[in-house]
Amino acid sequence: LAWYRQAPGKEREWVAGVGLRNSADYADSVKGRFAISRDNARVYL
């Protein structure tokens, strides 16, 4: 599970990914500002 984004005129880029125990990785551009998480029903950013 992961979040990507695409700005107008830009390539799609990876933003964040989350593992089964809410381990998370982030793109440098959003690190410290974004938080990815998951519960039993959904994944959040």
All heavy atoms as atom14 arrays in JSON, in Angstrom:
{
  "sequence": "LAWYRQAPGKEREWVAGVGLRNSADYADSVKGRFAISRDNARVYL",
  "atom14_mask": [
    [1, 1, 1, 1, 1, 1, 1, 1, 0, 0, 0, 0, 0, 0],
    [1, 1, 1, 1, 1, 0, 0, 0, 0, 0, 0, 0, 0, 0],
    [1, 1, 1, 1, 1, 1, 1, 1, 1, 1, 1, 1, 1, 1],
    [1, 1, 1, 1, 1, 1, 1, 1, 1, 1, 1, 1, 0, 0],
    [1, 1, 1, 1, 1, 1, 1, 1, 1, 1, 1, 0, 0, 0],
    [1, 1, 1, 1, 1, 1, 1, 1, 1, 0, 0, 0, 0, 0],
    [1, 1, 1, 1, 1, 0, 0, 0, 0, 0, 0, 0, 0, 0],
    [1, 1, 1, 1, 1, 1, 1, 0, 0, 0, 0, 0, 0, 0],
    [1, 1, 1, 1, 0, 0, 0, 0, 0, 0, 0, 0, 0, 0],
    [1, 1, 1, 1, 1, 1, 1, 1, 1, 0, 0, 0, 0, 0],
    [1, 1, 1, 1, 1, 1, 1, 1, 1, 0, 0, 0, 0, 0],
    [1, 1, 1, 1, 1, 1, 1, 1, 1, 1, 1, 0, 0, 0],
    [1, 1, 1, 1, 1, 1, 1, 1, 1, 0, 0, 0, 0, 0],
    [1, 1, 1, 1, 1, 1, 1, 1, 1, 1, 1, 1, 1, 1],
    [1, 1, 1, 1, 1, 1, 1, 0, 0, 0, 0, 0, 0, 0],
    [1, 1, 1, 1, 1, 0, 0, 0, 0, 0, 0, 0, 0, 0],
    [1, 1, 1, 1, 0, 0, 0, 0, 0, 0, 0, 0, 0, 0],
    [1, 1, 1, 1, 1, 1, 1, 0, 0, 0, 0, 0, 0, 0],
    [1, 1, 1, 1, 0, 0, 0, 0, 0, 0, 0, 0, 0, 0],
    [1, 1, 1, 1, 1, 1, 1, 1, 0, 0, 0, 0, 0, 0],
    [1, 1, 1, 1, 1, 1, 1, 1, 1, 1, 1, 0, 0, 0],
    [1, 1, 1, 1, 1, 1, 1, 1, 0, 0, 0, 0, 0, 0],
    [1, 1, 1, 1, 1, 1, 0, 0, 0, 0, 0, 0, 0, 0],
    [1, 1, 1, 1, 1, 0, 0, 0, 0, 0, 0, 0, 0, 0],
    [1, 1, 1, 1, 1, 1, 1, 1, 0, 0, 0, 0, 0, 0],
    [1, 1, 1, 1, 1, 1, 1, 1, 1, 1, 1, 1, 0, 0],
    [1, 1, 1, 1, 1, 0, 0, 0, 0, 0, 0, 0, 0, 0],
    [1, 1, 1, 1, 1, 1, 1, 1, 0, 0, 0, 0, 0, 0],
    [1, 1, 1, 1, 1, 1, 0, 0, 0, 0, 0, 0, 0, 0],
    [1, 1, 1, 1, 1, 1, 1, 0, 0, 0, 0, 0, 0, 0],
    [1, 1, 1, 1, 1, 1, 1, 1, 1, 0, 0, 0, 0, 0],
    [1, 1, 1, 1, 0, 0, 0, 0, 0, 0, 0, 0, 0, 0],
    [1, 1, 1, 1, 1, 1, 1, 1, 1, 1, 1, 0, 0, 0],
    [1, 1, 1, 1, 1, 1, 1, 1, 1, 1, 1, 0, 0, 0],
    [1, 1, 1, 1, 1, 0, 0, 0, 0, 0, 0, 0, 0, 0],
    [1, 1, 1, 1, 1, 1, 1, 1, 0, 0, 0, 0, 0, 0],
    [1, 1, 1, 1, 1, 1, 0, 0, 0, 0, 0, 0, 0, 0],
    [1, 1, 1, 1, 1, 1, 1, 1, 1, 1, 1, 0, 0, 0],
    [1, 1, 1, 1, 1, 1, 1, 1, 0, 0, 0, 0, 0, 0],
    [1, 1, 1, 1, 1, 1, 1, 1, 0, 0, 0, 0, 0, 0],
    [1, 1, 1, 1, 1, 0, 0, 0, 0, 0, 0, 0, 0, 0],
    [1, 1, 1, 1, 1, 1, 1, 1, 1, 1, 1, 0, 0, 0],
    [1, 1, 1, 1, 1, 1, 1, 0, 0, 0, 0, 0, 0, 0],
    [1, 1, 1, 1, 1, 1, 1, 1, 1, 1, 1, 1, 0, 0],
    [1, 1, 1, 1, 1, 1, 1, 1, 0, 0, 0, 0, 0, 0]
  ],
  "atom14_positions": [
    [[0.83, -1.2, 0.0], [0.0, 0.0, 0.0], [0.87, 1.25, 0.0], [1.83, 1.36, 0.77], [-0.92, 0.01, 1.21], [-2.1, -0.95, 1.13], [-2.7, -1.18, 2.51], [-3.16, -0.4, 0.17], [0.0, 0.0, 0.0], [0.0, 0.0, 0.0], [0.0, 0.0, 0.0], [0.0, 0.0, 0.0], [0.0, 0.0, 0.0], [0.0, 0.0, 0.0]],
    [[0.51, 2.17, -0.86], [1.32, 3.37, -1.02], [0.47, 4.51, -1.57], [-0.61, 4.29, -2.11], [2.5, 3.12, -1.95], [0.0, 0.0, 0.0], [0.0, 0.0, 0.0], [0.0, 0.0, 0.0], [0.0, 0.0, 0.0], [0.0, 0.0, 0.0], [0.0, 0.0, 0.0], [0.0, 0.0, 0.0], [0.0, 0.0, 0.0], [0.0, 0.0, 0.0]],
    [[0.99, 5.69, -1.43], [0.43, 6.89, -2.04], [1.4, 7.44, -3.07], [2.61, 7.51, -2.8], [0.12, 7.98, -1.01], [-1.04, 7.68, -0.12], [-1.02, 7.08, 1.09], [-2.41, 8.01, -0.4], [-2.29, 7.01, 1.61], [-3.17, 7.56, 0.72], [-3.08, 8.62, -1.46], [-4.55, 7.72, 0.79], [-4.45, 8.77, -1.38], [-5.17, 8.32, -0.27]],
    [[0.86, 7.8, -4.21], [1.59, 8.51, -5.25], [0.87, 9.82, -5.52], [-0.28, 10.02, -5.13], [1.63, 7.7, -6.54], [2.59, 6.52, -6.55], [2.3, 5.36, -5.84], [3.77, 6.58, -7.28], [3.16, 4.28, -5.86], [4.64, 5.5, -7.3], [4.33, 4.35, -6.59], [5.19, 3.28, -6.62], [0.0, 0.0, 0.0], [0.0, 0.0, 0.0]],
    [[1.56, 10.71, -6.21], [0.92, 11.93, -6.63], [1.46, 12.34, -8.0], [2.55, 11.95, -8.4], [1.13, 13.07, -5.63], [2.56, 13.57, -5.52], [2.69, 14.57, -4.4], [4.05, 15.07, -4.28], [4.48, 15.81, -3.28], [3.65, 16.15, -2.29], [5.75, 16.23, -3.24], [0.0, 0.0, 0.0], [0.0, 0.0, 0.0], [0.0, 0.0, 0.0]],
    [[0.66, 13.14, -8.68], [1.07, 13.66, -9.97], [0.6, 15.1, -10.09], [-0.59, 15.38, -10.06], [0.51, 12.81, -11.11], [1.04, 13.2, -12.47], [0.73, 12.18, -13.53], [-0.22, 11.39, -13.39], [1.51, 12.16, -14.58], [0.0, 0.0, 0.0], [0.0, 0.0, 0.0], [0.0, 0.0, 0.0], [0.0, 0.0, 0.0], [0.0, 0.0, 0.0]],
    [[1.56, 15.99, -10.23], [1.26, 17.4, -10.43], [1.1, 17.67, -11.92], [1.62, 16.92, -12.76], [2.38, 18.26, -9.86], [0.0, 0.0, 0.0], [0.0, 0.0, 0.0], [0.0, 0.0, 0.0], [0.0, 0.0, 0.0], [0.0, 0.0, 0.0], [0.0, 0.0, 0.0], [0.0, 0.0, 0.0], [0.0, 0.0, 0.0], [0.0, 0.0, 0.0]],
    [[0.38, 18.72, -12.27], [0.2, 19.05, -13.68], [1.54, 19.21, -14.4], [2.42, 19.93, -13.94], [-0.56, 20.38, -13.65], [-1.28, 20.36, -12.35], [-0.35, 19.65, -11.4], [0.0, 0.0, 0.0], [0.0, 0.0, 0.0], [0.0, 0.0, 0.0], [0.0, 0.0, 0.0], [0.0, 0.0, 0.0], [0.0, 0.0, 0.0], [0.0, 0.0, 0.0]],
    [[1.67, 18.52, -15.52], [2.88, 18.6, -16.3], [4.07, 17.87, -15.73], [5.18, 17.97, -16.27], [0.0, 0.0, 0.0], [0.0, 0.0, 0.0], [0.0, 0.0, 0.0], [0.0, 0.0, 0.0], [0.0, 0.0, 0.0], [0.0, 0.0, 0.0], [0.0, 0.0, 0.0], [0.0, 0.0, 0.0], [0.0, 0.0, 0.0], [0.0, 0.0, 0.0]],
    [[3.87, 17.13, -14.64], [4.96, 16.42, -13.98], [4.75, 14.92, -14.04], [3.64, 14.44, -14.27], [5.08, 16.87, -12.53], [5.31, 18.35, -12.32], [6.66, 18.78, -12.83], [6.92, 20.25, -12.52], [8.23, 20.68, -13.03], [0.0, 0.0, 0.0], [0.0, 0.0, 0.0], [0.0, 0.0, 0.0], [0.0, 0.0, 0.0], [0.0, 0.0, 0.0]],
    [[5.82, 14.19, -13.81], [5.73, 12.74, -13.73], [5.09, 12.34, -12.41], [5.2, 13.03, -11.4], [7.12, 12.11, -13.84], [7.83, 12.37, -15.16], [7.19, 11.64, -16.31], [6.63, 10.55, -16.11], [7.24, 12.16, -17.44], [0.0, 0.0, 0.0], [0.0, 0.0, 0.0], [0.0, 0.0, 0.0], [0.0, 0.0, 0.0], [0.0, 0.0, 0.0]],
    [[4.42, 11.21, -12.43], [3.89, 10.64, -11.21], [5.04, 10.27, -10.28], [6.04, 9.7, -10.72], [3.04, 9.41, -11.53], [2.36, 8.78, -10.33], [1.56, 7.58, -10.76], [2.42, 6.55, -11.35], [1.97, 5.5, -12.03], [0.66, 5.32, -12.2], [2.83, 4.61, -12.52], [0.0, 0.0, 0.0], [0.0, 0.0, 0.0], [0.0, 0.0, 0.0]],
    [[4.9, 10.58, -9.02], [5.96, 10.3, -8.07], [5.42, 9.57, -6.84], [4.3, 9.81, -6.39], [6.68, 11.57, -7.64], [5.81, 12.58, -6.91], [6.59, 13.8, -6.43], [7.83, 13.75, -6.42], [5.94, 14.8, -6.07], [0.0, 0.0, 0.0], [0.0, 0.0, 0.0], [0.0, 0.0, 0.0], [0.0, 0.0, 0.0], [0.0, 0.0, 0.0]],
    [[6.24, 8.71, -6.32], [5.92, 8.01, -5.09], [6.03, 8.96, -3.92], [6.96, 9.76, -3.82], [6.89, 6.83, -4.92], [6.76, 6.1, -3.62], [5.83, 5.17, -3.28], [7.63, 6.24, -2.49], [6.06, 4.71, -2.0], [7.16, 5.35, -1.5], [8.75, 7.01, -2.22], [7.78, 5.22, -0.26], [9.38, 6.89, -0.99], [8.89, 6.01, -0.03]],
    [[5.07, 8.87, -3.01], [5.03, 9.76, -1.85], [5.34, 9.01, -0.56], [6.19, 9.43, 0.23], [3.66, 10.45, -1.73], [3.57, 11.28, -0.45], [3.4, 11.32, -2.96], [0.0, 0.0, 0.0], [0.0, 0.0, 0.0], [0.0, 0.0, 0.0], [0.0, 0.0, 0.0], [0.0, 0.0, 0.0], [0.0, 0.0, 0.0], [0.0, 0.0, 0.0]],
    [[4.65, 7.9, -0.34], [4.8, 7.17, 0.92], [4.28, 5.76, 0.77], [3.41, 5.48, -0.06], [4.06, 7.88, 2.06], [0.0, 0.0, 0.0], [0.0, 0.0, 0.0], [0.0, 0.0, 0.0], [0.0, 0.0, 0.0], [0.0, 0.0, 0.0], [0.0, 0.0, 0.0], [0.0, 0.0, 0.0], [0.0, 0.0, 0.0], [0.0, 0.0, 0.0]],
    [[4.8, 4.86, 1.58], [4.32, 3.5, 1.64], [4.2, 3.04, 3.07], [4.92, 3.53, 3.95], [0.0, 0.0, 0.0], [0.0, 0.0, 0.0], [0.0, 0.0, 0.0], [0.0, 0.0, 0.0], [0.0, 0.0, 0.0], [0.0, 0.0, 0.0], [0.0, 0.0, 0.0], [0.0, 0.0, 0.0], [0.0, 0.0, 0.0], [0.0, 0.0, 0.0]],
    [[3.3, 2.1, 3.32], [3.05, 1.62, 4.67], [3.03, 0.1, 4.68], [2.51, -0.53, 3.74], [1.75, 2.21, 5.25], [0.53, 1.75, 4.46], [1.61, 1.87, 6.73], [0.0, 0.0, 0.0], [0.0, 0.0, 0.0], [0.0, 0.0, 0.0], [0.0, 0.0, 0.0], [0.0, 0.0, 0.0], [0.0, 0.0, 0.0], [0.0, 0.0, 0.0]],
    [[3.59, -0.5, 5.72], [3.6, -1.93, 5.89], [2.52, -2.41, 6.83], [1.71, -1.64, 7.33], [0.0, 0.0, 0.0], [0.0, 0.0, 0.0], [0.0, 0.0, 0.0], [0.0, 0.0, 0.0], [0.0, 0.0, 0.0], [0.0, 0.0, 0.0], [0.0, 0.0, 0.0], [0.0, 0.0, 0.0], [0.0, 0.0, 0.0], [0.0, 0.0, 0.0]],
    [[2.53, -3.71, 7.08], [1.46, -4.33, 7.85], [1.41, -3.86, 9.3], [0.36, -3.87, 9.91], [1.59, -5.85, 7.8], [1.31, -6.5, 6.45], [1.59, -7.99, 6.51], [-0.12, -6.23, 6.01], [0.0, 0.0, 0.0], [0.0, 0.0, 0.0], [0.0, 0.0, 0.0], [0.0, 0.0, 0.0], [0.0, 0.0, 0.0], [0.0, 0.0, 0.0]],
    [[2.55, -3.49, 9.84], [2.59, -3.0, 11.22], [2.77, -1.48, 11.28], [3.32, -0.95, 12.23], [3.7, -3.7, 11.99], [3.43, -5.17, 12.24], [4.43, -5.77, 13.2], [4.1, -7.15, 13.54], [4.77, -7.88, 14.42], [5.81, -7.36, 15.06], [4.39, -9.13, 14.66], [0.0, 0.0, 0.0], [0.0, 0.0, 0.0], [0.0, 0.0, 0.0]],
    [[2.27, -0.82, 10.27], [2.35, 0.63, 10.17], [3.78, 1.15, 10.06], [4.04, 2.32, 10.37], [1.62, 1.32, 11.32], [0.21, 1.72, 10.96], [-0.01, 2.33, 9.92], [-0.74, 1.38, 11.81], [0.0, 0.0, 0.0], [0.0, 0.0, 0.0], [0.0, 0.0, 0.0], [0.0, 0.0, 0.0], [0.0, 0.0, 0.0], [0.0, 0.0, 0.0]],
    [[4.69, 0.29, 9.63], [5.99, 0.81, 9.24], [5.8, 1.68, 8.01], [4.93, 1.41, 7.17], [6.96, -0.33, 8.94], [6.47, -1.15, 7.89], [0.0, 0.0, 0.0], [0.0, 0.0, 0.0], [0.0, 0.0, 0.0], [0.0, 0.0, 0.0], [0.0, 0.0, 0.0], [0.0, 0.0, 0.0], [0.0, 0.0, 0.0], [0.0, 0.0, 0.0]],
    [[6.59, 2.71, 7.9], [6.35, 3.69, 6.85], [7.65, 4.21, 6.26], [8.66, 4.32, 6.94], [5.53, 4.86, 7.4], [0.0, 0.0, 0.0], [0.0, 0.0, 0.0], [0.0, 0.0, 0.0], [0.0, 0.0, 0.0], [0.0, 0.0, 0.0], [0.0, 0.0, 0.0], [0.0, 0.0, 0.0], [0.0, 0.0, 0.0], [0.0, 0.0, 0.0]],
    [[7.59, 4.52, 4.98], [8.67, 5.17, 4.27], [8.11, 6.35, 3.51], [6.97, 6.32, 3.05], [9.36, 4.2, 3.3], [10.13, 3.12, 4.01], [10.98, 3.45, 4.85], [9.88, 1.93, 3.71], [0.0, 0.0, 0.0], [0.0, 0.0, 0.0], [0.0, 0.0, 0.0], [0.0, 0.0, 0.0], [0.0, 0.0, 0.0], [0.0, 0.0, 0.0]],
    [[8.94, 7.38, 3.35], [8.48, 8.61, 2.73], [9.48, 9.13, 1.73], [10.69, 8.94, 1.87], [8.26, 9.69, 3.79], [7.26, 9.32, 4.84], [7.66, 8.73, 6.03], [5.9, 9.54, 4.63], [6.73, 8.38, 7.0], [4.97, 9.19, 5.59], [5.39, 8.61, 6.77], [4.47, 8.26, 7.72], [0.0, 0.0, 0.0], [0.0, 0.0, 0.0]],
    [[8.95, 9.8, 0.72], [9.81, 10.56, -0.15], [10.45, 11.69, 0.64], [9.86, 12.24, 1.56], [9.01, 11.13, -1.32], [0.0, 0.0, 0.0], [0.0, 0.0, 0.0], [0.0, 0.0, 0.0], [0.0, 0.0, 0.0], [0.0, 0.0, 0.0], [0.0, 0.0, 0.0], [0.0, 0.0, 0.0], [0.0, 0.0, 0.0], [0.0, 0.0, 0.0]],
    [[11.68, 12.04, 0.27], [12.38, 13.1, 0.99], [11.59, 14.41, 1.0], [11.66, 15.16, 1.97], [13.76, 13.33, 0.37], [14.73, 12.22, 0.67], [14.49, 11.44, 1.62], [15.75, 12.13, -0.03], [0.0, 0.0, 0.0], [0.0, 0.0, 0.0], [0.0, 0.0, 0.0], [0.0, 0.0, 0.0], [0.0, 0.0, 0.0], [0.0, 0.0, 0.0]],
    [[10.86, 14.66, -0.04], [10.14, 15.92, -0.17], [9.01, 16.08, 0.84], [8.57, 17.2, 1.1], [9.59, 16.07, -1.59], [8.71, 15.01, -1.91], [0.0, 0.0, 0.0], [0.0, 0.0, 0.0], [0.0, 0.0, 0.0], [0.0, 0.0, 0.0], [0.0, 0.0, 0.0], [0.0, 0.0, 0.0], [0.0, 0.0, 0.0], [0.0, 0.0, 0.0]],
    [[8.54, 14.97, 1.41], [7.42, 15.04, 2.35], [7.79, 14.56, 3.73], [6.98, 14.65, 4.67], [6.19, 14.26, 1.85], [5.8, 14.72, 0.45], [6.44, 12.76, 1.87], [0.0, 0.0, 0.0], [0.0, 0.0, 0.0], [0.0, 0.0, 0.0], [0.0, 0.0, 0.0], [0.0, 0.0, 0.0], [0.0, 0.0, 0.0], [0.0, 0.0, 0.0]],
    [[8.99, 14.08, 3.91], [9.42, 13.53, 5.19], [9.33, 14.59, 6.28], [9.77, 15.72, 6.1], [10.84, 12.99, 5.07], [11.28, 12.08, 6.19], [12.61, 11.41, 5.86], [12.49, 10.52, 4.63], [13.78, 9.83, 4.31], [0.0, 0.0, 0.0], [0.0, 0.0, 0.0], [0.0, 0.0, 0.0], [0.0, 0.0, 0.0], [0.0, 0.0, 0.0]],
    [[8.74, 14.2, 7.4], [8.55, 15.12, 8.5], [7.27, 15.91, 8.44], [6.89, 16.55, 9.43], [0.0, 0.0, 0.0], [0.0, 0.0, 0.0], [0.0, 0.0, 0.0], [0.0, 0.0, 0.0], [0.0, 0.0, 0.0], [0.0, 0.0, 0.0], [0.0, 0.0, 0.0], [0.0, 0.0, 0.0], [0.0, 0.0, 0.0], [0.0, 0.0, 0.0]],
    [[6.59, 15.89, 7.3], [5.35, 16.62, 7.14], [4.15, 15.71, 6.91], [3.04, 16.04, 7.32], [5.44, 17.6, 5.97], [6.55, 18.63, 6.13], [6.5, 19.68, 5.02], [6.72, 19.08, 3.7], [5.81, 19.05, 2.73], [4.61, 19.6, 2.91], [6.11, 18.49, 1.56], [0.0, 0.0, 0.0], [0.0, 0.0, 0.0], [0.0, 0.0, 0.0]],
    [[4.36, 14.59, 6.25], [3.29, 13.65, 5.93], [3.41, 12.42, 6.8], [4.51, 12.03, 7.22], [3.34, 13.22, 4.47], [2.96, 14.27, 3.47], [2.84, 15.61, 3.81], [2.71, 13.89, 2.16], [2.5, 16.56, 2.88], [2.36, 14.84, 1.21], [2.25, 16.17, 1.57], [0.0, 0.0, 0.0], [0.0, 0.0, 0.0], [0.0, 0.0, 0.0]],
    [[2.28, 11.77, 7.05], [2.26, 10.52, 7.78], [1.28, 9.55, 7.12], [0.1, 9.87, 6.97], [1.88, 10.74, 9.24], [0.0, 0.0, 0.0], [0.0, 0.0, 0.0], [0.0, 0.0, 0.0], [0.0, 0.0, 0.0], [0.0, 0.0, 0.0], [0.0, 0.0, 0.0], [0.0, 0.0, 0.0], [0.0, 0.0, 0.0], [0.0, 0.0, 0.0]],
    [[1.78, 8.4, 6.72], [0.94, 7.36, 6.17], [0.63, 6.36, 7.27], [1.48, 6.06, 8.11], [1.6, 6.68, 4.96], [0.64, 5.71, 4.27], [2.9, 5.99, 5.35], [1.16, 5.18, 2.94], [0.0, 0.0, 0.0], [0.0, 0.0, 0.0], [0.0, 0.0, 0.0], [0.0, 0.0, 0.0], [0.0, 0.0, 0.0], [0.0, 0.0, 0.0]],
    [[-0.59, 5.86, 7.29], [-0.98, 4.87, 8.28], [-2.1, 4.02, 7.73], [-2.69, 4.33, 6.7], [-1.4, 5.55, 9.59], [-2.54, 6.37, 9.39], [0.0, 0.0, 0.0], [0.0, 0.0, 0.0], [0.0, 0.0, 0.0], [0.0, 0.0, 0.0], [0.0, 0.0, 0.0], [0.0, 0.0, 0.0], [0.0, 0.0, 0.0], [0.0, 0.0, 0.0]],
    [[-2.38, 2.95, 8.43], [-3.47, 2.07, 8.03], [-4.17, 1.54, 9.26], [-3.58, 1.4, 10.33], [-2.96, 0.91, 7.17], [-1.97, 0.0, 7.9], [-1.33, -1.01, 6.97], [-2.29, -1.96, 6.42], [-2.01, -2.84, 5.47], [-0.78, -2.89, 4.95], [-2.95, -3.67, 5.02], [0.0, 0.0, 0.0], [0.0, 0.0, 0.0], [0.0, 0.0, 0.0]],
    [[-5.45, 1.27, 9.12], [-6.18, 0.55, 10.14], [-6.84, -0.65, 9.48], [-6.41, -1.09, 8.42], [-7.16, 1.47, 10.88], [-8.2, 2.12, 9.99], [-8.48, 1.6, 8.88], [-8.76, 3.16, 10.4], [0.0, 0.0, 0.0], [0.0, 0.0, 0.0], [0.0, 0.0, 0.0], [0.0, 0.0, 0.0], [0.0, 0.0, 0.0], [0.0, 0.0, 0.0]],
    [[-7.87, -1.19, 10.09], [-8.49, -2.39, 9.55], [-9.27, -2.15, 8.27], [-9.58, -3.1, 7.54], [-9.42, -3.02, 10.58], [-8.66, -3.62, 11.74], [-7.51, -4.01, 11.61], [-9.31, -3.71, 12.89], [0.0, 0.0, 0.0], [0.0, 0.0, 0.0], [0.0, 0.0, 0.0], [0.0, 0.0, 0.0], [0.0, 0.0, 0.0], [0.0, 0.0, 0.0]],
    [[-9.59, -0.9, 8.0], [-10.47, -0.6, 6.89], [-9.84, 0.23, 5.78], [-10.21, 0.07, 4.61], [-11.73, 0.12, 7.39], [0.0, 0.0, 0.0], [0.0, 0.0, 0.0], [0.0, 0.0, 0.0], [0.0, 0.0, 0.0], [0.0, 0.0, 0.0], [0.0, 0.0, 0.0], [0.0, 0.0, 0.0], [0.0, 0.0, 0.0], [0.0, 0.0, 0.0]],
    [[-8.91, 1.08, 6.12], [-8.42, 2.07, 5.18], [-6.95, 2.37, 5.36], [-6.35, 2.04, 6.39], [-9.23, 3.37, 5.33], [-10.55, 3.38, 4.59], [-11.38, 4.59, 4.98], [-12.05, 4.37, 6.26], [-13.23, 3.79, 6.4], [-13.91, 3.39, 5.33], [-13.76, 3.64, 7.6], [0.0, 0.0, 0.0], [0.0, 0.0, 0.0], [0.0, 0.0, 0.0]],
    [[-6.39, 3.0, 4.36], [-5.06, 3.57, 4.45], [-5.21, 5.09, 4.35], [-6.04, 5.59, 3.59], [-4.11, 3.0, 3.37], [-4.64, 3.25, 1.97], [-2.71, 3.56, 3.53], [0.0, 0.0, 0.0], [0.0, 0.0, 0.0], [0.0, 0.0, 0.0], [0.0, 0.0, 0.0], [0.0, 0.0, 0.0], [0.0, 0.0, 0.0], [0.0, 0.0, 0.0]],
    [[-4.4, 5.8, 5.11], [-4.53, 7.25, 5.23], [-3.22, 7.94, 4.86], [-2.15, 7.36, 4.94], [-4.89, 7.64, 6.66], [-6.12, 6.96, 7.2], [-6.02, 5.77, 7.91], [-7.38, 7.5, 7.0], [-7.14, 5.15, 8.42], [-8.51, 6.88, 7.5], [-8.39, 5.71, 8.21], [-9.51, 5.09, 8.71], [0.0, 0.0, 0.0], [0.0, 0.0, 0.0]],
    [[-3.36, 9.18, 4.5], [-2.21, 10.05, 4.35], [-2.53, 11.38, 5.02], [-3.34, 12.15, 4.51], [-1.85, 10.27, 2.88], [-0.57, 11.06, 2.64], [0.65, 10.26, 3.09], [-0.43, 11.45, 1.18], [0.0, 0.0, 0.0], [0.0, 0.0, 0.0], [0.0, 0.0, 0.0], [0.0, 0.0, 0.0], [0.0, 0.0, 0.0], [0.0, 0.0, 0.0]]
  ]
}
